[in-house]
Amino acid sequence: MPGRDNTGPLGTGPIGRGLGPCGGGMAYGGRGRGFGRGRGWGFFPPALTPDEEKELLNQQKSWLQKQIDALTSRLRGLEEKEQK
């Protein structure tokens, strides 16, 4: 992650399920990163709580909306260029 500031590759916040080093262990309820090495969880992390899942889905929704807005803006710019 550029800058290691948890802003994501486009500066819009984290993407995905929080499984990587930039996710801050979010997929594990803040219990740490990785697949529970030494914590007795084996390969699979514990399930998300409903509140954690809701927060994660809201973050993903926000990121996707920013992507849609950027695409819409770019398309609008290209259409205006074609009309000239």
C-alpha atoms as a PDB file:
ATOM      1  CA  MET A   1       0.000   0.000   0.000  1.00  0.00           C
ATOM      2  CA  PRO A   2       1.590   3.270  -1.061  1.00  0.00           C
ATOM      3  CA  GLY A   3       2.328   5.446   1.940  1.00  0.00           C
ATOM      4  CA  ARG A   4       1.079   2.744   4.327  1.00  0.00           C
ATOM      5  CA  ASP A   5      -1.752   5.078   5.351  1.00  0.00           C
ATOM      6  CA  ASN A   6      -4.666   2.667   4.762  1.00  0.00           C
ATOM      7  CA  THR A   7      -6.210   4.889   2.092  1.00  0.00           C
ATOM      8  CA  GLY A   8      -6.261   2.196  -0.581  1.00  0.00           C
ATOM      9  CA  PRO A   9      -4.717   2.310  -4.039  1.00  0.00           C
ATOM     10  CA  LEU A  10      -6.938   5.169  -5.186  1.00  0.00           C
ATOM     11  CA  GLY A  11      -6.991   7.100  -1.925  1.00  0.00           C
ATOM     12  CA  THR A  12     -10.633   6.194  -1.355  1.00  0.00           C
ATOM     13  CA  GLY A  13     -10.239   3.881   1.600  1.00  0.00           C
ATOM     14  CA  PRO A  14      -9.768   0.161   1.982  1.00  0.00           C
ATOM     15  CA  ILE A  15     -11.013  -2.247  -0.620  1.00  0.00           C
ATOM     16  CA  GLY A  16     -11.891  -5.887  -0.287  1.00  0.00           C
ATOM     17  CA  ARG A  17     -12.579  -7.848   2.864  1.00  0.00           C
ATOM     18  CA  GLY A  18      -9.739  -6.569   5.026  1.00  0.00           C
ATOM     19  CA  LEU A  19      -7.748  -9.755   4.574  1.00  0.00           C
ATOM     20  CA  GLY A  20      -4.493  -8.162   3.445  1.00  0.00           C
ATOM     21  CA  PRO A  21      -1.896  -6.260   5.417  1.00  0.00           C
ATOM     22  CA  CYS A  22      -3.712  -2.980   4.754  1.00  0.00           C
ATOM     23  CA  GLY A  23      -6.999  -4.237   6.142  1.00  0.00           C
ATOM     24  CA  GLY A  24      -5.809  -3.938   9.720  1.00  0.00           C
ATOM     25  CA  GLY A  25      -7.191  -7.374  10.501  1.00  0.00           C
ATOM     26  CA  MET A  26     -10.710  -6.033  10.097  1.00  0.00           C
ATOM     27  CA  ALA A  27     -11.995  -9.379   8.847  1.00  0.00           C
ATOM     28  CA  TYR A  28     -10.921 -10.891  12.128  1.00  0.00           C
ATOM     29  CA  GLY A  29     -12.817  -8.541  14.386  1.00  0.00           C
ATOM     30  CA  GLY A  30      -9.669  -6.556  15.107  1.00  0.00           C
ATOM     31  CA  ARG A  31      -7.966  -9.584  16.611  1.00  0.00           C
ATOM     32  CA  GLY A  32      -4.933  -9.321  14.354  1.00  0.00           C
ATOM     33  CA  ARG A  33      -3.757 -10.196  10.913  1.00  0.00           C
ATOM     34  CA  GLY A  34      -3.157 -13.432   9.105  1.00  0.00           C
ATOM     35  CA  PHE A  35      -4.940 -16.699   9.597  1.00  0.00           C
ATOM     36  CA  GLY A  36      -4.697 -16.878  13.352  1.00  0.00           C
ATOM     37  CA  ARG A  37      -1.175 -18.176  13.629  1.00  0.00           C
ATOM     38  CA  GLY A  38      -0.740 -19.419  17.170  1.00  0.00           C
ATOM     39  CA  ARG A  39      -4.273 -18.503  18.148  1.00  0.00           C
ATOM     40  CA  GLY A  40      -5.870 -21.898  17.633  1.00  0.00           C
ATOM     41  CA  TRP A  41      -8.114 -20.767  14.775  1.00  0.00           C
ATOM     42  CA  GLY A  42      -6.472 -22.993  12.198  1.00  0.00           C
ATOM     43  CA  PHE A  43      -6.760 -21.850   8.604  1.00  0.00           C
ATOM     44  CA  PHE A  44     -10.158 -20.150   8.777  1.00  0.00           C
ATOM     45  CA  PRO A  45     -10.736 -16.898  10.680  1.00  0.00           C
ATOM     46  CA  PRO A  46     -13.785 -16.514  12.924  1.00  0.00           C
ATOM     47  CA  ALA A  47     -16.979 -15.228  11.298  1.00  0.00           C
ATOM     48  CA  LEU A  48     -17.781 -11.530  11.270  1.00  0.00           C
ATOM     49  CA  THR A  49     -20.351 -10.211  13.695  1.00  0.00           C
ATOM     50  CA  PRO A  50     -23.408  -8.578  12.092  1.00  0.00           C
ATOM     51  CA  ASP A  51     -22.082  -5.119  13.066  1.00  0.00           C
ATOM     52  CA  GLU A  52     -18.671  -5.853  11.551  1.00  0.00           C
ATOM     53  CA  GLU A  53     -20.250  -7.166   8.363  1.00  0.00           C
ATOM     54  CA  LYS A  54     -22.515  -4.112   8.136  1.00  0.00           C
ATOM     55  CA  GLU A  55     -19.530  -1.756   8.498  1.00  0.00           C
ATOM     56  CA  LEU A  56     -17.560  -3.697   5.896  1.00  0.00           C
ATOM     57  CA  LEU A  57     -20.467  -3.652   3.439  1.00  0.00           C
ATOM     58  CA  ASN A  58     -20.955   0.096   3.961  1.00  0.00           C
ATOM     59  CA  GLN A  59     -17.273   0.697   3.225  1.00  0.00           C
ATOM     60  CA  GLN A  60     -17.474  -1.392   0.064  1.00  0.00           C
ATOM     61  CA  LYS A  61     -20.663   0.408  -1.011  1.00  0.00           C
ATOM     62  CA  SER A  62     -18.998   3.780  -0.497  1.00  0.00           C
ATOM     63  CA  TRP A  63     -15.945   2.747  -2.494  1.00  0.00           C
ATOM     64  CA  LEU A  64     -18.077   1.389  -5.325  1.00  0.00           C
ATOM     65  CA  GLN A  65     -20.149   4.591  -5.428  1.00  0.00           C
ATOM     66  CA  LYS A  66     -16.957   6.653  -5.773  1.00  0.00           C
ATOM     67  CA  GLN A  67     -15.883   4.403  -8.648  1.00  0.00           C
ATOM     68  CA  ILE A  68     -19.268   4.826 -10.363  1.00  0.00           C
ATOM     69  CA  ASP A  69     -19.077   8.609  -9.920  1.00  0.00           C
ATOM     70  CA  ALA A  70     -15.572   8.686 -11.440  1.00  0.00           C
ATOM     71  CA  LEU A  71     -16.655   6.566 -14.407  1.00  0.00           C
ATOM     72  CA  THR A  72     -19.753   8.697 -14.973  1.00  0.00           C
ATOM     73  CA  SER A  73     -17.656  11.857 -14.904  1.00  0.00           C
ATOM     74  CA  ARG A  74     -15.144  10.417 -17.371  1.00  0.00           C
ATOM     75  CA  LEU A  75     -17.894   9.267 -19.735  1.00  0.00           C
ATOM     76  CA  ARG A  76     -19.540  12.686 -19.567  1.00  0.00           C
ATOM     77  CA  GLY A  77     -16.216  14.320 -20.447  1.00  0.00           C
ATOM     78  CA  LEU A  78     -15.706  12.020 -23.439  1.00  0.00           C
ATOM     79  CA  GLU A  79     -19.249  12.653 -24.683  1.00  0.00           C
ATOM     80  CA  GLU A  80     -18.742  16.420 -24.467  1.00  0.00           C
ATOM     81  CA  LYS A  81     -15.484  16.082 -26.405  1.00  0.00           C
ATOM     82  CA  GLU A  82     -17.264  14.098 -29.159  1.00  0.00           C
ATOM     83  CA  GLN A  83     -19.938  16.793 -29.542  1.00  0.00           C
ATOM     84  CA  LYS A  84     -17.359  19.520 -30.225  1.00  0.00           C
END
